[in-house]
Amino acid sequence: MLDEGSRLAVLAAIGIDVYRLRAAETRDDASQAATLGEHSDVPEQPARLVVGYLNGAGRKPGLTRLLPQLLRSVGVTDAAVRRVETAADGSLGELPQAPAYLMIGAAAARACSAHLSIEQQNTLMLVVIDAEPVSLCDAAAKRTLWQQLKPLARRLRAG
């Protein structure tokens, strides 16, 4: 078996171009430990984005496939994202502070905005997208989604 460097050299020698993602997903030690359920001594990054959704929506297969792609498209690592789920009655517990909020569904956005003052809503970025990711089979729906996410991506990349 060839290691990665040797494999790329062999492919280049025979004329095969290897394409890579622009922003490869990088996961630091803290996010890997959180994924594995272990505790780490690495300090947690401050929240840059809060993702909110309705009760039980986080376990839907469509959203579990879509969410990592959305986070990669806006340029945020897993360690800088906080996920918030509404309770069964539609209420929201404690809302983390962040410069940007991505709400999946109008009901989640209503629950989130109830916890934010008018001044906070004017200074931060709140983006609401459709709760049903099945609409992403359509090119027009993908374009609409990207038009909604573009300002969020610009703001998060700017700092």
C-alpha atoms as a PDB file:
ATOM      1  CA  MET A   1       0.000   0.000   0.000  1.00  0.00           C
ATOM      2  CA  LEU A   2       1.185   3.470  -0.844  1.00  0.00           C
ATOM      3  CA  ASP A   3       1.069   6.331   1.588  1.00  0.00           C
ATOM      4  CA  GLU A   4      -0.839   9.484   0.602  1.00  0.00           C
ATOM      5  CA  GLY A   5       2.206  11.362  -0.716  1.00  0.00           C
ATOM      6  CA  SER A   6       3.361   8.434  -2.875  1.00  0.00           C
ATOM      7  CA  ARG A   7      -0.132   7.845  -4.188  1.00  0.00           C
ATOM      8  CA  LEU A   8      -0.473  11.483  -5.269  1.00  0.00           C
ATOM      9  CA  ALA A   9       2.966  11.345  -6.937  1.00  0.00           C
ATOM     10  CA  VAL A  10       2.022   8.208  -8.890  1.00  0.00           C
ATOM     11  CA  LEU A  11      -1.294   9.734  -9.973  1.00  0.00           C
ATOM     12  CA  ALA A  12       0.476  12.921 -11.102  1.00  0.00           C
ATOM     13  CA  ALA A  13       3.034  10.872 -13.035  1.00  0.00           C
ATOM     14  CA  ILE A  14       0.333   9.115 -15.043  1.00  0.00           C
ATOM     15  CA  GLY A  15      -1.529  12.359 -15.685  1.00  0.00           C
ATOM     16  CA  ILE A  16      -4.482  12.114 -13.313  1.00  0.00           C
ATOM     17  CA  ASP A  17      -5.563  15.326 -11.599  1.00  0.00           C
ATOM     18  CA  VAL A  18      -6.617  14.910  -7.976  1.00  0.00           C
ATOM     19  CA  TYR A  19      -9.282  17.381  -6.898  1.00  0.00           C
ATOM     20  CA  ARG A  20      -9.831  18.376  -3.299  1.00  0.00           C
ATOM     21  CA  LEU A  21     -12.476  20.406  -1.504  1.00  0.00           C
ATOM     22  CA  ARG A  22     -11.681  24.114  -1.190  1.00  0.00           C
ATOM     23  CA  ALA A  23     -12.151  24.125   2.556  1.00  0.00           C
ATOM     24  CA  ALA A  24     -11.487  20.644   3.801  1.00  0.00           C
ATOM     25  CA  GLU A  25     -13.296  19.971   7.019  1.00  0.00           C
ATOM     26  CA  THR A  26     -10.826  20.301   9.862  1.00  0.00           C
ATOM     27  CA  ARG A  27     -11.702  19.077  13.287  1.00  0.00           C
ATOM     28  CA  ASP A  28      -9.594  19.987  16.268  1.00  0.00           C
ATOM     29  CA  ASP A  29      -9.016  17.844  19.351  1.00  0.00           C
ATOM     30  CA  ALA A  30     -11.887  19.421  21.275  1.00  0.00           C
ATOM     31  CA  SER A  31     -14.496  18.606  18.652  1.00  0.00           C
ATOM     32  CA  GLN A  32     -13.152  15.077  18.191  1.00  0.00           C
ATOM     33  CA  ALA A  33     -13.334  14.503  21.936  1.00  0.00           C
ATOM     34  CA  ALA A  34     -16.858  15.886  22.016  1.00  0.00           C
ATOM     35  CA  THR A  35     -17.833  13.581  19.163  1.00  0.00           C
ATOM     36  CA  LEU A  36     -16.442  10.583  20.986  1.00  0.00           C
ATOM     37  CA  GLY A  37     -18.048  11.647  24.255  1.00  0.00           C
ATOM     38  CA  GLU A  38     -14.706  12.129  25.984  1.00  0.00           C
ATOM     39  CA  HIS A  39     -13.596  15.120  28.010  1.00  0.00           C
ATOM     40  CA  SER A  40     -10.586  17.078  26.860  1.00  0.00           C
ATOM     41  CA  ASP A  41      -8.340  19.698  28.441  1.00  0.00           C
ATOM     42  CA  VAL A  42      -8.494  21.797  25.268  1.00  0.00           C
ATOM     43  CA  PRO A  43     -10.595  24.928  25.932  1.00  0.00           C
ATOM     44  CA  GLU A  44     -13.799  25.204  23.979  1.00  0.00           C
ATOM     45  CA  GLN A  45     -13.917  27.825  21.212  1.00  0.00           C
ATOM     46  CA  PRO A  46     -16.352  30.702  21.640  1.00  0.00           C
ATOM     47  CA  ALA A  47     -19.602  30.298  19.761  1.00  0.00           C
ATOM     48  CA  ARG A  48     -19.564  31.862  16.290  1.00  0.00           C
ATOM     49  CA  LEU A  49     -22.827  30.329  15.114  1.00  0.00           C
ATOM     50  CA  VAL A  50     -25.905  28.997  16.879  1.00  0.00           C
ATOM     51  CA  VAL A  51     -28.007  26.505  14.929  1.00  0.00           C
ATOM     52  CA  GLY A  52     -31.566  26.074  16.146  1.00  0.00           C
ATOM     53  CA  TYR A  53     -34.232  23.584  15.126  1.00  0.00           C
ATOM     54  CA  LEU A  54     -37.469  22.084  16.369  1.00  0.00           C
ATOM     55  CA  ASN A  55     -37.739  19.268  18.858  1.00  0.00           C
ATOM     56  CA  GLY A  56     -36.749  15.990  17.190  1.00  0.00           C
ATOM     57  CA  ALA A  57     -35.613  17.572  13.921  1.00  0.00           C
ATOM     58  CA  GLY A  58     -31.952  16.988  14.772  1.00  0.00           C
ATOM     59  CA  ARG A  59     -32.476  13.255  14.412  1.00  0.00           C
ATOM     60  CA  LYS A  60     -34.118  13.393  10.983  1.00  0.00           C
ATOM     61  CA  PRO A  61     -31.897  11.817   8.302  1.00  0.00           C
ATOM     62  CA  GLY A  62     -32.310  14.732   5.894  1.00  0.00           C
ATOM     63  CA  LEU A  63     -31.116  17.275   8.428  1.00  0.00           C
ATOM     64  CA  THR A  64     -28.261  15.129   9.716  1.00  0.00           C
ATOM     65  CA  ARG A  65     -26.915  14.948   6.148  1.00  0.00           C
ATOM     66  CA  LEU A  66     -27.602  18.609   5.361  1.00  0.00           C
ATOM     67  CA  LEU A  67     -26.239  20.290   8.484  1.00  0.00           C
ATOM     68  CA  PRO A  68     -22.532  19.377   8.071  1.00  0.00           C
ATOM     69  CA  GLN A  69     -22.706  20.549   4.457  1.00  0.00           C
ATOM     70  CA  LEU A  70     -24.279  23.850   5.510  1.00  0.00           C
ATOM     71  CA  LEU A  71     -21.635  24.431   8.167  1.00  0.00           C
ATOM     72  CA  ARG A  72     -18.865  23.676   5.690  1.00  0.00           C
ATOM     73  CA  SER A  73     -20.398  26.046   3.141  1.00  0.00           C
ATOM     74  CA  VAL A  74     -20.451  28.959   5.582  1.00  0.00           C
ATOM     75  CA  GLY A  75     -16.919  28.203   6.794  1.00  0.00           C
ATOM     76  CA  VAL A  76     -17.481  27.314  10.451  1.00  0.00           C
ATOM     77  CA  THR A  77     -15.834  24.465  12.321  1.00  0.00           C
ATOM     78  CA  ASP A  78     -17.869  22.146  14.514  1.00  0.00           C
ATOM     79  CA  ALA A  79     -16.182  23.460  17.658  1.00  0.00           C
ATOM     80  CA  ALA A  80     -17.510  26.992  17.035  1.00  0.00           C
ATOM     81  CA  VAL A  81     -21.130  25.877  16.541  1.00  0.00           C
ATOM     82  CA  ARG A  82     -23.709  25.522  19.284  1.00  0.00           C
ATOM     83  CA  ARG A  83     -26.857  23.545  18.561  1.00  0.00           C
ATOM     84  CA  VAL A  84     -30.126  24.473  20.243  1.00  0.00           C
ATOM     85  CA  GLU A  85     -33.302  22.413  20.113  1.00  0.00           C
ATOM     86  CA  THR A  86     -36.731  23.624  21.168  1.00  0.00           C
ATOM     87  CA  ALA A  87     -38.674  21.734  23.792  1.00  0.00           C
ATOM     88  CA  ALA A  88     -41.739  19.667  22.901  1.00  0.00           C
ATOM     89  CA  ASP A  89     -43.996  22.638  23.672  1.00  0.00           C
ATOM     90  CA  GLY A  90     -42.004  24.918  21.327  1.00  0.00           C
ATOM     91  CA  SER A  91     -40.213  26.850  24.043  1.00  0.00           C
ATOM     92  CA  LEU A  92     -36.472  27.330  24.106  1.00  0.00           C
ATOM     93  CA  GLY A  93     -34.218  27.037  27.119  1.00  0.00           C
ATOM     94  CA  GLU A  94     -31.011  29.033  27.415  1.00  0.00           C
ATOM     95  CA  LEU A  95     -29.805  30.624  24.182  1.00  0.00           C
ATOM     96  CA  PRO A  96     -26.004  30.892  23.754  1.00  0.00           C
ATOM     97  CA  GLN A  97     -24.560  34.250  22.722  1.00  0.00           C
ATOM     98  CA  ALA A  98     -23.070  34.362  19.208  1.00  0.00           C
ATOM     99  CA  PRO A  99     -22.721  36.876  16.371  1.00  0.00           C
ATOM    100  CA  ALA A 100     -24.873  34.766  14.035  1.00  0.00           C
ATOM    101  CA  TYR A 101     -27.861  32.459  14.308  1.00  0.00           C
ATOM    102  CA  LEU A 102     -29.068  29.925  11.741  1.00  0.00           C
ATOM    103  CA  MET A 103     -32.617  28.808  12.436  1.00  0.00           C
ATOM    104  CA  ILE A 104     -34.085  25.840  10.617  1.00  0.00           C
ATOM    105  CA  GLY A 105     -37.790  26.505  10.337  1.00  0.00           C
ATOM    106  CA  ALA A 106     -39.943  29.495  11.219  1.00  0.00           C
ATOM    107  CA  ALA A 107     -41.082  28.029  14.550  1.00  0.00           C
ATOM    108  CA  ALA A 108     -37.471  27.725  15.736  1.00  0.00           C
ATOM    109  CA  ALA A 109     -36.845  31.323  14.648  1.00  0.00           C
ATOM    110  CA  ARG A 110     -39.854  32.537  16.639  1.00  0.00           C
ATOM    111  CA  ALA A 111     -38.646  30.719  19.753  1.00  0.00           C
ATOM    112  CA  CYS A 112     -35.141  32.155  19.292  1.00  0.00           C
ATOM    113  CA  SER A 113     -36.247  35.729  18.683  1.00  0.00           C
ATOM    114  CA  ALA A 114     -38.353  35.624  21.859  1.00  0.00           C
ATOM    115  CA  HIS A 115     -35.087  35.336  23.834  1.00  0.00           C
ATOM    116  CA  LEU A 116     -33.297  38.175  22.019  1.00  0.00           C
ATOM    117  CA  SER A 117     -33.795  41.857  22.673  1.00  0.00           C
ATOM    118  CA  ILE A 118     -34.451  44.259  19.805  1.00  0.00           C
ATOM    119  CA  GLU A 119     -30.906  45.645  20.104  1.00  0.00           C
ATOM    120  CA  GLN A 120     -29.447  42.144  19.835  1.00  0.00           C
ATOM    121  CA  GLN A 121     -31.621  41.345  16.824  1.00  0.00           C
ATOM    122  CA  ASN A 122     -30.390  44.509  15.107  1.00  0.00           C
ATOM    123  CA  THR A 123     -26.694  43.784  15.685  1.00  0.00           C
ATOM    124  CA  LEU A 124     -26.500  40.050  15.025  1.00  0.00           C
ATOM    125  CA  MET A 125     -27.345  38.095  11.909  1.00  0.00           C
ATOM    126  CA  LEU A 126     -30.388  35.833  12.053  1.00  0.00           C
ATOM    127  CA  VAL A 127     -30.956  33.587   9.043  1.00  0.00           C
ATOM    128  CA  VAL A 128     -34.054  31.411   8.724  1.00  0.00           C
ATOM    129  CA  ILE A 129     -34.093  28.554   6.221  1.00  0.00           C
ATOM    130  CA  ASP A 130     -36.763  26.048   5.250  1.00  0.00           C
ATOM    131  CA  ALA A 131     -37.282  23.215   7.700  1.00  0.00           C
ATOM    132  CA  GLU A 132     -37.717  20.602   4.982  1.00  0.00           C
ATOM    133  CA  PRO A 133     -34.402  19.650   3.351  1.00  0.00           C
ATOM    134  CA  VAL A 134     -36.233  17.463   0.814  1.00  0.00           C
ATOM    135  CA  SER A 135     -36.677  20.600  -1.281  1.00  0.00           C
ATOM    136  CA  LEU A 136     -32.941  20.457  -2.039  1.00  0.00           C
ATOM    137  CA  CYS A 137     -33.606  18.037  -4.884  1.00  0.00           C
ATOM    138  CA  ASP A 138     -34.520  21.065  -6.963  1.00  0.00           C
ATOM    139  CA  ALA A 139     -31.848  23.360  -8.450  1.00  0.00           C
ATOM    140  CA  ALA A 140     -33.968  26.443  -7.791  1.00  0.00           C
ATOM    141  CA  ALA A 141     -34.331  25.451  -4.122  1.00  0.00           C
ATOM    142  CA  LYS A 142     -30.561  25.041  -3.824  1.00  0.00           C
ATOM    143  CA  ARG A 143     -30.027  28.447  -5.370  1.00  0.00           C
ATOM    144  CA  THR A 144     -32.541  30.012  -2.969  1.00  0.00           C
ATOM    145  CA  LEU A 145     -30.852  28.344  -0.007  1.00  0.00           C
ATOM    146  CA  TRP A 146     -27.440  29.606  -1.083  1.00  0.00           C
ATOM    147  CA  GLN A 147     -28.830  33.136  -1.529  1.00  0.00           C
ATOM    148  CA  GLN A 148     -29.995  32.962   2.082  1.00  0.00           C
ATOM    149  CA  LEU A 149     -26.664  31.600   3.335  1.00  0.00           C
ATOM    150  CA  LYS A 150     -24.342  33.922   1.395  1.00  0.00           C
ATOM    151  CA  PRO A 151     -24.644  36.926   3.772  1.00  0.00           C
ATOM    152  CA  LEU A 152     -24.116  34.591   6.727  1.00  0.00           C
ATOM    153  CA  ALA A 153     -20.979  33.113   5.146  1.00  0.00           C
ATOM    154  CA  ARG A 154     -19.598  36.591   4.406  1.00  0.00           C
ATOM    155  CA  ARG A 155     -20.172  37.755   7.958  1.00  0.00           C
ATOM    156  CA  LEU A 156     -18.615  34.668   9.529  1.00  0.00           C
ATOM    157  CA  ARG A 157     -15.560  34.844   7.257  1.00  0.00           C
ATOM    158  CA  ALA A 158     -15.104  38.550   7.973  1.00  0.00           C
ATOM    159  CA  GLY A 159     -14.683  37.833  11.636  1.00  0.00           C
END
